[in-house]
Amino acid sequence: VKKTLAMGVPLAILIFGEREDLPLILLPVMLYHPL
């Protein structure tokens, strides 16, 4: 049930880095981590 934030953020930057809505893509990961 756990998801990695440490790897998730760098991978997201590589996969979606050219998109200006990257913060919205990261939002679910950022909310899931403290939960």
PDB file of all heavy atoms in Angstrom:
ATOM      1  N   VAL A   1       0.809  -1.223   0.000  1.00  0.00           N
ATOM      2  CA  VAL A   1       0.000   0.000   0.000  1.00  0.00           C
ATOM      3  C   VAL A   1       0.841   1.272   0.000  1.00  0.00           C
ATOM      4  O   VAL A   1       0.307   2.360  -0.230  1.00  0.00           O
ATOM      5  CB  VAL A   1      -0.960   0.025   1.208  1.00  0.00           C
ATOM      6  CG1 VAL A   1      -1.856  -1.197   1.209  1.00  0.00           C
ATOM      7  CG2 VAL A   1      -0.193   0.113   2.523  1.00  0.00           C
ATOM      8  N   LYS A   2       2.146   1.167   0.242  1.00  0.00           N
ATOM      9  CA  LYS A   2       2.980   2.363   0.345  1.00  0.00           C
ATOM     10  C   LYS A   2       3.579   2.721  -1.009  1.00  0.00           C
ATOM     11  O   LYS A   2       3.857   1.846  -1.827  1.00  0.00           O
ATOM     12  CB  LYS A   2       4.086   2.146   1.380  1.00  0.00           C
ATOM     13  CG  LYS A   2       3.530   1.937   2.795  1.00  0.00           C
ATOM     14  CD  LYS A   2       4.634   1.799   3.804  1.00  0.00           C
ATOM     15  CE  LYS A   2       5.390   3.101   3.994  1.00  0.00           C
ATOM     16  NZ  LYS A   2       4.513   4.190   4.464  1.00  0.00           N
ATOM     17  N   LYS A   3       3.769   4.008  -1.233  1.00  0.00           N
ATOM     18  CA  LYS A   3       4.342   4.528  -2.469  1.00  0.00           C
ATOM     19  C   LYS A   3       5.516   5.446  -2.134  1.00  0.00           C
ATOM     20  O   LYS A   3       5.461   6.220  -1.178  1.00  0.00           O
ATOM     21  CB  LYS A   3       3.292   5.293  -3.275  1.00  0.00           C
ATOM     22  CG  LYS A   3       2.125   4.438  -3.744  1.00  0.00           C
ATOM     23  CD  LYS A   3       2.571   3.391  -4.752  1.00  0.00           C
ATOM     24  CE  LYS A   3       1.405   2.577  -5.262  1.00  0.00           C
ATOM     25  NZ  LYS A   3       1.836   1.587  -6.300  1.00  0.00           N
ATOM     26  N   THR A   4       6.575   5.349  -2.941  1.00  0.00           N
ATOM     27  CA  THR A   4       7.783   6.096  -2.653  1.00  0.00           C
ATOM     28  C   THR A   4       7.711   7.526  -3.170  1.00  0.00           C
ATOM     29  O   THR A   4       7.389   7.757  -4.349  1.00  0.00           O
ATOM     30  CB  THR A   4       9.017   5.392  -3.246  1.00  0.00           C
ATOM     31  OG1 THR A   4      10.177   6.213  -3.056  1.00  0.00           O
ATOM     32  CG2 THR A   4       8.838   5.100  -4.731  1.00  0.00           C
ATOM     33  N   LEU A   5       7.993   8.464  -2.294  1.00  0.00           N
ATOM     34  CA  LEU A   5       8.097   9.868  -2.689  1.00  0.00           C
ATOM     35  C   LEU A   5       9.506  10.186  -3.153  1.00  0.00           C
ATOM     36  O   LEU A   5       9.702  10.979  -4.079  1.00  0.00           O
ATOM     37  CB  LEU A   5       7.718  10.771  -1.516  1.00  0.00           C
ATOM     38  CG  LEU A   5       7.812  12.278  -1.748  1.00  0.00           C
ATOM     39  CD1 LEU A   5       6.787  12.721  -2.774  1.00  0.00           C
ATOM     40  CD2 LEU A   5       7.605  13.038  -0.439  1.00  0.00           C
ATOM     41  N   ALA A   6      10.506   9.529  -2.529  1.00  0.00           N
ATOM     42  CA  ALA A   6      11.907   9.809  -2.854  1.00  0.00           C
ATOM     43  C   ALA A   6      12.216   9.498  -4.313  1.00  0.00           C
ATOM     44  O   ALA A   6      12.937  10.246  -4.984  1.00  0.00           O
ATOM     45  CB  ALA A   6      12.825   9.004  -1.935  1.00  0.00           C
ATOM     46  N   MET A   7      11.693   8.383  -4.836  1.00  0.00           N
ATOM     47  CA  MET A   7      11.894   8.050  -6.240  1.00  0.00           C
ATOM     48  C   MET A   7      10.809   8.665  -7.113  1.00  0.00           C
ATOM     49  O   MET A   7      11.037   8.957  -8.293  1.00  0.00           O
ATOM     50  CB  MET A   7      11.919   6.529  -6.439  1.00  0.00           C
ATOM     51  CG  MET A   7      12.174   6.103  -7.876  1.00  0.00           C
ATOM     52  SD  MET A   7      12.208   4.312  -8.109  1.00  0.00           S
ATOM     53  CE  MET A   7      13.723   3.908  -7.259  1.00  0.00           C
ATOM     54  N   GLY A   8       9.631   8.874  -6.550  1.00  0.00           N
ATOM     55  CA  GLY A   8       8.516   9.359  -7.347  1.00  0.00           C
ATOM     56  C   GLY A   8       8.728  10.742  -7.922  1.00  0.00           C
ATOM     57  O   GLY A   8       8.386  10.997  -9.086  1.00  0.00           O
ATOM     58  N   VAL A   9       9.310  11.649  -7.141  1.00  0.00           N
ATOM     59  CA  VAL A   9       9.506  13.022  -7.621  1.00  0.00           C
ATOM     60  C   VAL A   9      10.539  13.092  -8.744  1.00  0.00           C
ATOM     61  O   VAL A   9      10.265  13.675  -9.808  1.00  0.00           O
ATOM     62  CB  VAL A   9       9.883  13.951  -6.453  1.00  0.00           C
ATOM     63  CG1 VAL A   9      10.257  15.334  -6.967  1.00  0.00           C
ATOM     64  CG2 VAL A   9       8.741  14.055  -5.454  1.00  0.00           C
ATOM     65  N   PRO A  10      11.753  12.507  -8.585  1.00  0.00           N
ATOM     66  CA  PRO A  10      12.713  12.567  -9.704  1.00  0.00           C
ATOM     67  C   PRO A  10      12.212  11.874 -10.963  1.00  0.00           C
ATOM     68  O   PRO A  10      12.438  12.362 -12.071  1.00  0.00           O
ATOM     69  CB  PRO A  10      13.956  11.853  -9.137  1.00  0.00           C
ATOM     70  CG  PRO A  10      13.822  11.941  -7.664  1.00  0.00           C
ATOM     71  CD  PRO A  10      12.358  11.879  -7.387  1.00  0.00           C
ATOM     72  N   LEU A  11      11.521  10.733 -10.800  1.00  0.00           N
ATOM     73  CA  LEU A  11      10.993  10.038 -11.971  1.00  0.00           C
ATOM     74  C   LEU A  11       9.936  10.883 -12.677  1.00  0.00           C
ATOM     75  O   LEU A  11       9.887  10.928 -13.911  1.00  0.00           O
ATOM     76  CB  LEU A  11      10.393   8.693 -11.561  1.00  0.00           C
ATOM     77  CG  LEU A  11      11.365   7.533 -11.320  1.00  0.00           C
ATOM     78  CD1 LEU A  11      10.600   6.290 -10.900  1.00  0.00           C
ATOM     79  CD2 LEU A  11      12.194   7.241 -12.557  1.00  0.00           C
ATOM     80  N   ALA A  12       9.091  11.547 -11.900  1.00  0.00           N
ATOM     81  CA  ALA A  12       8.059  12.395 -12.496  1.00  0.00           C
ATOM     82  C   ALA A  12       8.680  13.545 -13.281  1.00  0.00           C
ATOM     83  O   ALA A  12       8.177  13.924 -14.349  1.00  0.00           O
ATOM     84  CB  ALA A  12       7.128  12.929 -11.414  1.00  0.00           C
ATOM     85  N   ILE A  13       9.764  14.107 -12.768  1.00  0.00           N
ATOM     86  CA  ILE A  13      10.424  15.207 -13.467  1.00  0.00           C
ATOM     87  C   ILE A  13      10.980  14.728 -14.805  1.00  0.00           C
ATOM     88  O   ILE A  13      10.916  15.437 -15.819  1.00  0.00           O
ATOM     89  CB  ILE A  13      11.531  15.805 -12.588  1.00  0.00           C
ATOM     90  CG1 ILE A  13      10.912  16.499 -11.368  1.00  0.00           C
ATOM     91  CG2 ILE A  13      12.388  16.789 -13.367  1.00  0.00           C
ATOM     92  CD1 ILE A  13      11.921  17.006 -10.381  1.00  0.00           C
ATOM     93  N   LEU A  14      11.510  13.500 -14.839  1.00  0.00           N
ATOM     94  CA  LEU A  14      12.035  12.964 -16.091  1.00  0.00           C
ATOM     95  C   LEU A  14      10.919  12.603 -17.068  1.00  0.00           C
ATOM     96  O   LEU A  14      11.028  12.836 -18.271  1.00  0.00           O
ATOM     97  CB  LEU A  14      12.890  11.730 -15.813  1.00  0.00           C
ATOM     98  CG  LEU A  14      14.270  11.974 -15.205  1.00  0.00           C
ATOM     99  CD1 LEU A  14      14.979  10.668 -14.954  1.00  0.00           C
ATOM    100  CD2 LEU A  14      15.111  12.855 -16.113  1.00  0.00           C
ATOM    101  N   ILE A  15       9.832  12.012 -16.538  1.00  0.00           N
ATOM    102  CA  ILE A  15       8.753  11.542 -17.408  1.00  0.00           C
ATOM    103  C   ILE A  15       7.877  12.691 -17.896  1.00  0.00           C
ATOM    104  O   ILE A  15       7.501  12.758 -19.071  1.00  0.00           O
ATOM    105  CB  ILE A  15       7.896  10.496 -16.673  1.00  0.00           C
ATOM    106  CG1 ILE A  15       8.747   9.261 -16.344  1.00  0.00           C
ATOM    107  CG2 ILE A  15       6.703  10.076 -17.519  1.00  0.00           C
ATOM    108  CD1 ILE A  15       8.028   8.240 -15.473  1.00  0.00           C
ATOM    109  N   PHE A  16       7.547  13.629 -16.983  1.00  0.00           N
ATOM    110  CA  PHE A  16       6.613  14.711 -17.318  1.00  0.00           C
ATOM    111  C   PHE A  16       7.261  16.081 -17.295  1.00  0.00           C
ATOM    112  O   PHE A  16       6.562  17.098 -17.293  1.00  0.00           O
ATOM    113  CB  PHE A  16       5.445  14.729 -16.320  1.00  0.00           C
ATOM    114  CG  PHE A  16       4.735  13.413 -16.163  1.00  0.00           C
ATOM    115  CD1 PHE A  16       4.946  12.618 -15.055  1.00  0.00           C
ATOM    116  CD2 PHE A  16       3.841  12.972 -17.127  1.00  0.00           C
ATOM    117  CE1 PHE A  16       4.282  11.413 -14.889  1.00  0.00           C
ATOM    118  CE2 PHE A  16       3.167  11.768 -16.980  1.00  0.00           C
ATOM    119  CZ  PHE A  16       3.389  10.982 -15.860  1.00  0.00           C
ATOM    120  N   GLY A  17       8.584  16.127 -17.241  1.00  0.00           N
ATOM    121  CA  GLY A  17       9.282  17.386 -16.971  1.00  0.00           C
ATOM    122  C   GLY A  17       8.996  18.503 -17.946  1.00  0.00           C
ATOM    123  O   GLY A  17       9.122  19.686 -17.601  1.00  0.00           O
ATOM    124  N   GLU A  18       8.631  18.176 -19.180  1.00  0.00           N
ATOM    125  CA  GLU A  18       8.390  19.215 -20.178  1.00  0.00           C
ATOM    126  C   GLU A  18       6.996  19.827 -20.068  1.00  0.00           C
ATOM    127  O   GLU A  18       6.685  20.782 -20.771  1.00  0.00           O
ATOM    128  CB  GLU A  18       8.588  18.632 -21.582  1.00  0.00           C
ATOM    129  CG  GLU A  18      10.019  18.164 -21.847  1.00  0.00           C
ATOM    130  CD  GLU A  18      10.192  17.618 -23.239  1.00  0.00           C
ATOM    131  OE1 GLU A  18       9.173  17.551 -23.966  1.00  0.00           O
ATOM    132  OE2 GLU A  18      11.322  17.255 -23.605  1.00  0.00           O
ATOM    133  N   ARG A  19       6.157  19.292 -19.203  1.00  0.00           N
ATOM    134  CA  ARG A  19       4.788  19.803 -19.066  1.00  0.00           C
ATOM    135  C   ARG A  19       4.725  20.872 -17.976  1.00  0.00           C
ATOM    136  O   ARG A  19       5.295  20.711 -16.896  1.00  0.00           O
ATOM    137  CB  ARG A  19       3.838  18.654 -18.741  1.00  0.00           C
ATOM    138  CG  ARG A  19       3.715  17.652 -19.864  1.00  0.00           C
ATOM    139  CD  ARG A  19       2.872  16.459 -19.496  1.00  0.00           C
ATOM    140  NE  ARG A  19       1.555  16.809 -18.972  1.00  0.00           N
ATOM    141  CZ  ARG A  19       0.605  15.921 -18.718  1.00  0.00           C
ATOM    142  NH1 ARG A  19       0.826  14.629 -18.948  1.00  0.00           N
ATOM    143  NH2 ARG A  19      -0.560  16.310 -18.244  1.00  0.00           N
ATOM    144  N   GLU A  20       4.019  21.952 -18.259  1.00  0.00           N
ATOM    145  CA  GLU A  20       3.915  23.042 -17.289  1.00  0.00           C
ATOM    146  C   GLU A  20       2.986  22.690 -16.126  1.00  0.00           C
ATOM    147  O   GLU A  20       3.006  23.363 -15.092  1.00  0.00           O
ATOM    148  CB  GLU A  20       3.414  24.308 -17.963  1.00  0.00           C
ATOM    149  CG  GLU A  20       2.001  24.214 -18.511  1.00  0.00           C
ATOM    150  CD  GLU A  20       1.499  25.526 -19.064  1.00  0.00           C
ATOM    151  OE1 GLU A  20       2.327  26.442 -19.253  1.00  0.00           O
ATOM    152  OE2 GLU A  20       0.290  25.628 -19.290  1.00  0.00           O
ATOM    153  N   ASP A  21       2.178  21.623 -16.285  1.00  0.00           N
ATOM    154  CA  ASP A  21       1.275  21.210 -15.209  1.00  0.00           C
ATOM    155  C   ASP A  21       1.879  20.111 -14.336  1.00  0.00           C
ATOM    156  O   ASP A  21       1.158  19.356 -13.693  1.00  0.00           O
ATOM    157  CB  ASP A  21      -0.067  20.745 -15.783  1.00  0.00           C
ATOM    158  CG  ASP A  21       0.098  19.655 -16.846  1.00  0.00           C
ATOM    159  OD1 ASP A  21       1.240  19.224 -17.085  1.00  0.00           O
ATOM    160  OD2 ASP A  21      -0.921  19.243 -17.430  1.00  0.00           O
ATOM    161  N   LEU A  22       3.214  20.033 -14.303  1.00  0.00           N
ATOM    162  CA  LEU A  22       3.896  19.033 -13.477  1.00  0.00           C
ATOM    163  C   LEU A  22       3.454  19.087 -12.011  1.00  0.00           C
ATOM    164  O   LEU A  22       3.270  18.045 -11.384  1.00  0.00           O
ATOM    165  CB  LEU A  22       5.410  19.207 -13.584  1.00  0.00           C
ATOM    166  CG  LEU A  22       6.269  18.279 -12.707  1.00  0.00           C
ATOM    167  CD1 LEU A  22       6.054  16.822 -13.083  1.00  0.00           C
ATOM    168  CD2 LEU A  22       7.747  18.649 -12.823  1.00  0.00           C
ATOM    169  N   PRO A  23       3.280  20.276 -11.389  1.00  0.00           N
ATOM    170  CA  PRO A  23       2.818  20.298  -9.994  1.00  0.00           C
ATOM    171  C   PRO A  23       1.485  19.582  -9.788  1.00  0.00           C
ATOM    172  O   PRO A  23       1.271  18.959  -8.751  1.00  0.00           O
ATOM    173  CB  PRO A  23       2.702  21.789  -9.683  1.00  0.00           C
ATOM    174  CG  PRO A  23       3.665  22.435 -10.613  1.00  0.00           C
ATOM    175  CD  PRO A  23       3.604  21.627 -11.870  1.00  0.00           C
ATOM    176  N   LEU A  24       0.575  19.677 -10.766  1.00  0.00           N
ATOM    177  CA  LEU A  24      -0.694  18.968 -10.636  1.00  0.00           C
ATOM    178  C   LEU A  24      -0.488  17.457 -10.724  1.00  0.00           C
ATOM    179  O   LEU A  24      -1.182  16.689 -10.056  1.00  0.00           O
ATOM    180  CB  LEU A  24      -1.668  19.426 -11.723  1.00  0.00           C
ATOM    181  CG  LEU A  24      -2.142  20.874 -11.655  1.00  0.00           C
ATOM    182  CD1 LEU A  24      -3.146  21.149 -12.763  1.00  0.00           C
ATOM    183  CD2 LEU A  24      -2.752  21.179 -10.295  1.00  0.00           C
ATOM    184  N   ILE A  25       0.460  17.025 -11.539  1.00  0.00           N
ATOM    185  CA  ILE A  25       0.762  15.598 -11.647  1.00  0.00           C
ATOM    186  C   ILE A  25       1.358  15.083 -10.340  1.00  0.00           C
ATOM    187  O   ILE A  25       1.085  13.957  -9.914  1.00  0.00           O
ATOM    188  CB  ILE A  25       1.720  15.350 -12.824  1.00  0.00           C
ATOM    189  CG1 ILE A  25       1.058  15.765 -14.134  1.00  0.00           C
ATOM    190  CG2 ILE A  25       2.156  13.884 -12.889  1.00  0.00           C
ATOM    191  CD1 ILE A  25       1.971  15.688 -15.346  1.00  0.00           C
ATOM    192  N   LEU A  26       2.149  15.910  -9.671  1.00  0.00           N
ATOM    193  CA  LEU A  26       2.775  15.514  -8.404  1.00  0.00           C
ATOM    194  C   LEU A  26       1.814  15.586  -7.216  1.00  0.00           C
ATOM    195  O   LEU A  26       2.090  15.005  -6.168  1.00  0.00           O
ATOM    196  CB  LEU A  26       3.986  16.402  -8.109  1.00  0.00           C
ATOM    197  CG  LEU A  26       5.242  16.165  -8.954  1.00  0.00           C
ATOM    198  CD1 LEU A  26       6.281  17.224  -8.642  1.00  0.00           C
ATOM    199  CD2 LEU A  26       5.806  14.776  -8.685  1.00  0.00           C
ATOM    200  N   LEU A  27       0.704  16.297  -7.373  1.00  0.00           N
ATOM    201  CA  LEU A  27      -0.208  16.502  -6.252  1.00  0.00           C
ATOM    202  C   LEU A  27      -0.711  15.198  -5.633  1.00  0.00           C
ATOM    203  O   LEU A  27      -0.687  15.062  -4.403  1.00  0.00           O
ATOM    204  CB  LEU A  27      -1.381  17.382  -6.695  1.00  0.00           C
ATOM    205  CG  LEU A  27      -2.378  17.778  -5.600  1.00  0.00           C
ATOM    206  CD1 LEU A  27      -1.683  18.559  -4.492  1.00  0.00           C
ATOM    207  CD2 LEU A  27      -3.523  18.609  -6.185  1.00  0.00           C
ATOM    208  N   PRO A  28      -1.182  14.196  -6.397  1.00  0.00           N
ATOM    209  CA  PRO A  28      -1.626  12.948  -5.758  1.00  0.00           C
ATOM    210  C   PRO A  28      -0.524  12.260  -4.963  1.00  0.00           C
ATOM    211  O   PRO A  28      -0.780  11.727  -3.874  1.00  0.00           O
ATOM    212  CB  PRO A  28      -2.074  12.093  -6.953  1.00  0.00           C
ATOM    213  CG  PRO A  28      -2.465  13.074  -7.998  1.00  0.00           C
ATOM    214  CD  PRO A  28      -1.493  14.200  -7.846  1.00  0.00           C
ATOM    215  N   VAL A  29       0.705  12.262  -5.471  1.00  0.00           N
ATOM    216  CA  VAL A  29       1.816  11.647  -4.745  1.00  0.00           C
ATOM    217  C   VAL A  29       2.092  12.395  -3.447  1.00  0.00           C
ATOM    218  O   VAL A  29       2.326  11.792  -2.391  1.00  0.00           O
ATOM    219  CB  VAL A  29       3.086  11.620  -5.624  1.00  0.00           C
ATOM    220  CG1 VAL A  29       4.231  10.938  -4.897  1.00  0.00           C
ATOM    221  CG2 VAL A  29       2.806  10.921  -6.944  1.00  0.00           C
ATOM    222  N   MET A  30       2.037  13.732  -3.515  1.00  0.00           N
ATOM    223  CA  MET A  30       2.283  14.542  -2.326  1.00  0.00           C
ATOM    224  C   MET A  30       1.199  14.346  -1.270  1.00  0.00           C
ATOM    225  O   MET A  30       1.473  14.387  -0.069  1.00  0.00           O
ATOM    226  CB  MET A  30       2.364  16.017  -2.724  1.00  0.00           C
ATOM    227  CG  MET A  30       3.571  16.359  -3.558  1.00  0.00           C
ATOM    228  SD  MET A  30       5.101  16.056  -2.654  1.00  0.00           S
ATOM    229  CE  MET A  30       4.879  17.149  -1.266  1.00  0.00           C
ATOM    230  N   LEU A  31      -0.032  14.144  -1.678  1.00  0.00           N
ATOM    231  CA  LEU A  31      -1.120  13.916  -0.731  1.00  0.00           C
ATOM    232  C   LEU A  31      -1.108  12.494  -0.185  1.00  0.00           C
ATOM    233  O   LEU A  31      -1.424  12.266   0.987  1.00  0.00           O
ATOM    234  CB  LEU A  31      -2.468  14.200  -1.409  1.00  0.00           C
ATOM    235  CG  LEU A  31      -2.722  15.644  -1.837  1.00  0.00           C
ATOM    236  CD1 LEU A  31      -4.028  15.746  -2.608  1.00  0.00           C
ATOM    237  CD2 LEU A  31      -2.742  16.576  -0.631  1.00  0.00           C
ATOM    238  N   TYR A  32      -0.735  11.550  -1.020  1.00  0.00           N
ATOM    239  CA  TYR A  32      -0.727  10.145  -0.607  1.00  0.00           C
ATOM    240  C   TYR A  32       0.359   9.871   0.440  1.00  0.00           C
ATOM    241  O   TYR A  32       0.159   9.058   1.350  1.00  0.00           O
ATOM    242  CB  TYR A  32      -0.497   9.258  -1.835  1.00  0.00           C
ATOM    243  CG  TYR A  32      -0.773   7.793  -1.624  1.00  0.00           C
ATOM    244  CD1 TYR A  32      -2.020   7.252  -1.931  1.00  0.00           C
ATOM    245  CD2 TYR A  32       0.213   6.937  -1.142  1.00  0.00           C
ATOM    246  CE1 TYR A  32      -2.270   5.901  -1.757  1.00  0.00           C
ATOM    247  CE2 TYR A  32      -0.031   5.588  -0.954  1.00  0.00           C
ATOM    248  CZ  TYR A  32      -1.280   5.073  -1.268  1.00  0.00           C
ATOM    249  OH  TYR A  32      -1.521   3.731  -1.075  1.00  0.00           O
ATOM    250  N   HIS A  33       1.488  10.563   0.318  1.00  0.00           N
ATOM    251  CA  HIS A  33       2.632  10.275   1.193  1.00  0.00           C
ATOM    252  C   HIS A  33       2.317  10.508   2.678  1.00  0.00           C
ATOM    253  O   HIS A  33       2.503   9.594   3.491  1.00  0.00           O
ATOM    254  CB  HIS A  33       3.837  11.108   0.768  1.00  0.00           C
ATOM    255  CG  HIS A  33       5.079  10.845   1.559  1.00  0.00           C
ATOM    256  ND1 HIS A  33       5.783   9.671   1.458  1.00  0.00           N
ATOM    257  CD2 HIS A  33       5.715  11.597   2.491  1.00  0.00           C
ATOM    258  CE1 HIS A  33       6.820   9.704   2.278  1.00  0.00           C
ATOM    259  NE2 HIS A  33       6.804  10.868   2.918  1.00  0.00           N
ATOM    260  N   PRO A  34       1.847  11.692   3.098  1.00  0.00           N
ATOM    261  CA  PRO A  34       1.532  11.861   4.524  1.00  0.00           C
ATOM    262  C   PRO A  34       0.361  10.995   4.974  1.00  0.00           C
ATOM    263  O   PRO A  34       0.325  10.557   6.128  1.00  0.00           O
ATOM    264  CB  PRO A  34       1.192  13.354   4.638  1.00  0.00           C
ATOM    265  CG  PRO A  34       0.819  13.775   3.266  1.00  0.00           C
ATOM    266  CD  PRO A  34       1.636  12.941   2.343  1.00  0.00           C
ATOM    267  N   LEU A  35      -0.594  10.733   4.074  1.00  0.00           N
ATOM    268  CA  LEU A  35      -1.729   9.884   4.438  1.00  0.00           C
ATOM    269  C   LEU A  35      -1.271   8.470   4.770  1.00  0.00           C
ATOM    270  O   LEU A  35      -1.710   7.884   5.764  1.00  0.00           O
ATOM    271  CB  LEU A  35      -2.742   9.855   3.289  1.00  0.00           C
ATOM    272  CG  LEU A  35      -3.932   8.891   3.460  1.00  0.00           C
ATOM    273  CD1 LEU A  35      -4.772   9.286   4.666  1.00  0.00           C
ATOM    274  CD2 LEU A  35      -4.787   8.879   2.191  1.00  0.00           C
TER     275      LEU A  35
END
